[in-house]
């Protein structure tokens, strides 16, 4: 008699009871990772560069400043607060000092004798 070797359980032909599907794994090579990095980072870098080149543009207009002013020379011993009280006695000195600092582009509310300050005409007497 001849002996046959059966693969799998006895009585079942052509099927396996514990069949395991082979899983395919996607593997990315070093060259593939480099290409993927360039494809993702490239547009981001280009967009950032385009924004940096075009993002800070200033638009010039025809309108000029409507503030008309005169110049006042600071006297020895005179502070910006005293000057604000003299040129605009009916206004709040804090507002006048703030406007003088902004108009004259002062770093702080400190003035020196002989310094020339621009004063808006609305405060002149």
C-alpha atoms as a PDB file:
ATOM      1  CA  UNK A   1       0.000   0.000   0.000  1.00  0.00           C
ATOM      2  CA  UNK A   2       1.070   3.488  -0.605  1.00  0.00           C
ATOM      3  CA  UNK A   3       0.892   6.136   2.032  1.00  0.00           C
ATOM      4  CA  UNK A   4      -0.341   9.606   1.116  1.00  0.00           C
ATOM      5  CA  UNK A   5       0.721  12.670   3.020  1.00  0.00           C
ATOM      6  CA  UNK A   6      -2.089  15.102   3.608  1.00  0.00           C
ATOM      7  CA  UNK A   7      -1.572  18.758   4.219  1.00  0.00           C
ATOM      8  CA  UNK A   8      -4.088  20.121   6.673  1.00  0.00           C
ATOM      9  CA  UNK A   9      -6.670  18.404   8.824  1.00  0.00           C
ATOM     10  CA  UNK A  10      -7.992  15.036   7.823  1.00  0.00           C
ATOM     11  CA  UNK A  11     -11.265  15.102   5.941  1.00  0.00           C
ATOM     12  CA  UNK A  12     -10.977  18.629   4.548  1.00  0.00           C
ATOM     13  CA  UNK A  13      -9.569  18.926   1.114  1.00  0.00           C
ATOM     14  CA  UNK A  14      -8.103  22.122  -0.218  1.00  0.00           C
ATOM     15  CA  UNK A  15      -8.787  24.384   2.779  1.00  0.00           C
ATOM     16  CA  UNK A  16      -6.907  25.270   5.865  1.00  0.00           C
ATOM     17  CA  UNK A  17      -8.663  25.875   9.114  1.00  0.00           C
ATOM     18  CA  UNK A  18      -6.049  28.285  10.468  1.00  0.00           C
ATOM     19  CA  UNK A  19      -5.268  30.252   7.347  1.00  0.00           C
ATOM     20  CA  UNK A  20      -3.155  33.349   7.860  1.00  0.00           C
ATOM     21  CA  UNK A  21      -3.180  36.005   5.199  1.00  0.00           C
ATOM     22  CA  UNK A  22       0.208  37.323   4.315  1.00  0.00           C
ATOM     23  CA  UNK A  23       0.457  40.987   5.237  1.00  0.00           C
ATOM     24  CA  UNK A  24       2.190  43.377   2.927  1.00  0.00           C
ATOM     25  CA  UNK A  25       4.298  46.023   4.546  1.00  0.00           C
ATOM     26  CA  UNK A  26       4.936  49.309   2.889  1.00  0.00           C
ATOM     27  CA  UNK A  27       8.547  50.216   3.243  1.00  0.00           C
ATOM     28  CA  UNK A  28       9.902  53.625   2.312  1.00  0.00           C
ATOM     29  CA  UNK A  29      13.503  53.831   1.286  1.00  0.00           C
ATOM     30  CA  UNK A  30      15.833  56.654   2.181  1.00  0.00           C
ATOM     31  CA  UNK A  31      15.380  58.154  -1.267  1.00  0.00           C
ATOM     32  CA  UNK A  32      11.591  57.912  -0.859  1.00  0.00           C
ATOM     33  CA  UNK A  33      11.715  59.687   2.496  1.00  0.00           C
ATOM     34  CA  UNK A  34      13.837  62.460   0.993  1.00  0.00           C
ATOM     35  CA  UNK A  35      11.388  62.885  -1.882  1.00  0.00           C
ATOM     36  CA  UNK A  36       8.422  62.927   0.479  1.00  0.00           C
ATOM     37  CA  UNK A  37      10.136  65.556   2.642  1.00  0.00           C
ATOM     38  CA  UNK A  38      10.807  67.762  -0.380  1.00  0.00           C
ATOM     39  CA  UNK A  39       7.236  67.383  -1.639  1.00  0.00           C
ATOM     40  CA  UNK A  40       5.794  68.404   1.723  1.00  0.00           C
ATOM     41  CA  UNK A  41       8.296  71.046   2.827  1.00  0.00           C
ATOM     42  CA  UNK A  42       8.835  72.625  -0.595  1.00  0.00           C
ATOM     43  CA  UNK A  43       5.456  74.381  -0.891  1.00  0.00           C
ATOM     44  CA  UNK A  44       5.641  75.525   2.747  1.00  0.00           C
ATOM     45  CA  UNK A  45       9.053  77.125   2.195  1.00  0.00           C
ATOM     46  CA  UNK A  46       7.918  78.741  -1.069  1.00  0.00           C
ATOM     47  CA  UNK A  47       4.777  80.151   0.597  1.00  0.00           C
ATOM     48  CA  UNK A  48       6.795  81.539   3.528  1.00  0.00           C
ATOM     49  CA  UNK A  49       9.262  83.168   1.144  1.00  0.00           C
ATOM     50  CA  UNK A  50       6.471  84.689  -0.957  1.00  0.00           C
ATOM     51  CA  UNK A  51       4.780  86.028   2.175  1.00  0.00           C
ATOM     52  CA  UNK A  52       8.040  87.527   3.437  1.00  0.00           C
ATOM     53  CA  UNK A  53       8.683  89.263   0.126  1.00  0.00           C
ATOM     54  CA  UNK A  54       5.148  90.630  -0.340  1.00  0.00           C
ATOM     55  CA  UNK A  55       3.796  90.784   3.213  1.00  0.00           C
ATOM     56  CA  UNK A  56       5.316  94.008   4.476  1.00  0.00           C
ATOM     57  CA  UNK A  57       4.574  96.376   1.623  1.00  0.00           C
ATOM     58  CA  UNK A  58       3.403  99.861   2.470  1.00  0.00           C
ATOM     59  CA  UNK A  59       0.903 101.678   0.353  1.00  0.00           C
ATOM     60  CA  UNK A  60       1.580 105.338  -0.295  1.00  0.00           C
ATOM     61  CA  UNK A  61      -1.384 107.630  -0.419  1.00  0.00           C
ATOM     62  CA  UNK A  62      -2.049 111.084  -1.747  1.00  0.00           C
ATOM     63  CA  UNK A  63      -3.471 112.344   1.545  1.00  0.00           C
ATOM     64  CA  UNK A  64      -1.088 114.355   3.643  1.00  0.00           C
ATOM     65  CA  UNK A  65      -1.253 114.892   7.360  1.00  0.00           C
ATOM     66  CA  UNK A  66      -3.918 117.368   8.389  1.00  0.00           C
ATOM     67  CA  UNK A  67      -2.045 118.424  11.519  1.00  0.00           C
ATOM     68  CA  UNK A  68      -0.700 121.949  11.255  1.00  0.00           C
ATOM     69  CA  UNK A  69       1.798 122.948  13.918  1.00  0.00           C
ATOM     70  CA  UNK A  70       4.164 125.628  15.124  1.00  0.00           C
ATOM     71  CA  UNK A  71       7.495 125.281  16.913  1.00  0.00           C
ATOM     72  CA  UNK A  72       8.133 126.172  20.534  1.00  0.00           C
ATOM     73  CA  UNK A  73      11.566 126.328  22.168  1.00  0.00           C
ATOM     74  CA  UNK A  74      11.907 124.762  25.620  1.00  0.00           C
ATOM     75  CA  UNK A  75      13.131 127.259  28.243  1.00  0.00           C
ATOM     76  CA  UNK A  76      15.577 126.338  31.056  1.00  0.00           C
ATOM     77  CA  UNK A  77      13.789 124.605  33.942  1.00  0.00           C
ATOM     78  CA  UNK A  78      10.645 123.958  31.866  1.00  0.00           C
ATOM     79  CA  UNK A  79       9.170 120.469  31.786  1.00  0.00           C
ATOM     80  CA  UNK A  80       6.895 118.977  29.179  1.00  0.00           C
ATOM     81  CA  UNK A  81       4.063 118.983  31.737  1.00  0.00           C
ATOM     82  CA  UNK A  82       4.521 122.741  32.349  1.00  0.00           C
ATOM     83  CA  UNK A  83       4.684 123.394  28.634  1.00  0.00           C
ATOM     84  CA  UNK A  84       1.457 121.425  28.113  1.00  0.00           C
ATOM     85  CA  UNK A  85      -0.265 123.451  30.861  1.00  0.00           C
ATOM     86  CA  UNK A  86       0.882 126.724  29.262  1.00  0.00           C
ATOM     87  CA  UNK A  87      -0.065 125.982  25.646  1.00  0.00           C
ATOM     88  CA  UNK A  88      -3.422 124.341  26.432  1.00  0.00           C
ATOM     89  CA  UNK A  89      -4.745 125.483  29.820  1.00  0.00           C
ATOM     90  CA  UNK A  90      -8.267 124.207  29.134  1.00  0.00           C
ATOM     91  CA  UNK A  91      -7.148 120.722  28.018  1.00  0.00           C
ATOM     92  CA  UNK A  92      -6.069 117.766  30.117  1.00  0.00           C
ATOM     93  CA  UNK A  93      -2.246 118.024  30.403  1.00  0.00           C
ATOM     94  CA  UNK A  94      -1.910 114.234  30.122  1.00  0.00           C
ATOM     95  CA  UNK A  95      -3.501 114.289  26.661  1.00  0.00           C
ATOM     96  CA  UNK A  96      -1.382 117.242  25.536  1.00  0.00           C
ATOM     97  CA  UNK A  97       1.851 115.633  26.810  1.00  0.00           C
ATOM     98  CA  UNK A  98       0.956 112.383  25.057  1.00  0.00           C
ATOM     99  CA  UNK A  99       0.291 114.192  21.789  1.00  0.00           C
ATOM    100  CA  UNK A 100       3.529 116.190  22.056  1.00  0.00           C
ATOM    101  CA  UNK A 101       5.553 113.040  22.725  1.00  0.00           C
ATOM    102  CA  UNK A 102       3.959 111.288  19.749  1.00  0.00           C
ATOM    103  CA  UNK A 103       4.209 114.268  17.371  1.00  0.00           C
ATOM    104  CA  UNK A 104       7.852 114.945  18.227  1.00  0.00           C
ATOM    105  CA  UNK A 105       8.774 111.246  18.390  1.00  0.00           C
ATOM    106  CA  UNK A 106      10.241 111.527  21.862  1.00  0.00           C
ATOM    107  CA  UNK A 107      11.418 108.386  23.648  1.00  0.00           C
ATOM    108  CA  UNK A 108      10.078 109.682  26.951  1.00  0.00           C
ATOM    109  CA  UNK A 109       8.424 112.791  28.336  1.00  0.00           C
ATOM    110  CA  UNK A 110      11.707 114.562  29.009  1.00  0.00           C
ATOM    111  CA  UNK A 111      12.833 117.750  27.285  1.00  0.00           C
ATOM    112  CA  UNK A 112      16.018 119.824  27.421  1.00  0.00           C
ATOM    113  CA  UNK A 113      16.495 123.605  27.353  1.00  0.00           C
ATOM    114  CA  UNK A 114      16.791 124.933  23.814  1.00  0.00           C
ATOM    115  CA  UNK A 115      15.006 121.924  22.333  1.00  0.00           C
ATOM    116  CA  UNK A 116      12.499 122.830  19.611  1.00  0.00           C
ATOM    117  CA  UNK A 117       9.133 121.065  19.814  1.00  0.00           C
ATOM    118  CA  UNK A 118       6.335 120.943  17.282  1.00  0.00           C
ATOM    119  CA  UNK A 119       3.011 121.992  18.853  1.00  0.00           C
ATOM    120  CA  UNK A 120      -0.323 121.513  17.054  1.00  0.00           C
ATOM    121  CA  UNK A 121      -2.015 124.831  16.206  1.00  0.00           C
ATOM    122  CA  UNK A 122      -5.151 123.774  18.078  1.00  0.00           C
ATOM    123  CA  UNK A 123      -3.132 124.280  21.306  1.00  0.00           C
ATOM    124  CA  UNK A 124      -1.497 127.581  20.407  1.00  0.00           C
ATOM    125  CA  UNK A 125      -2.931 130.741  21.916  1.00  0.00           C
END
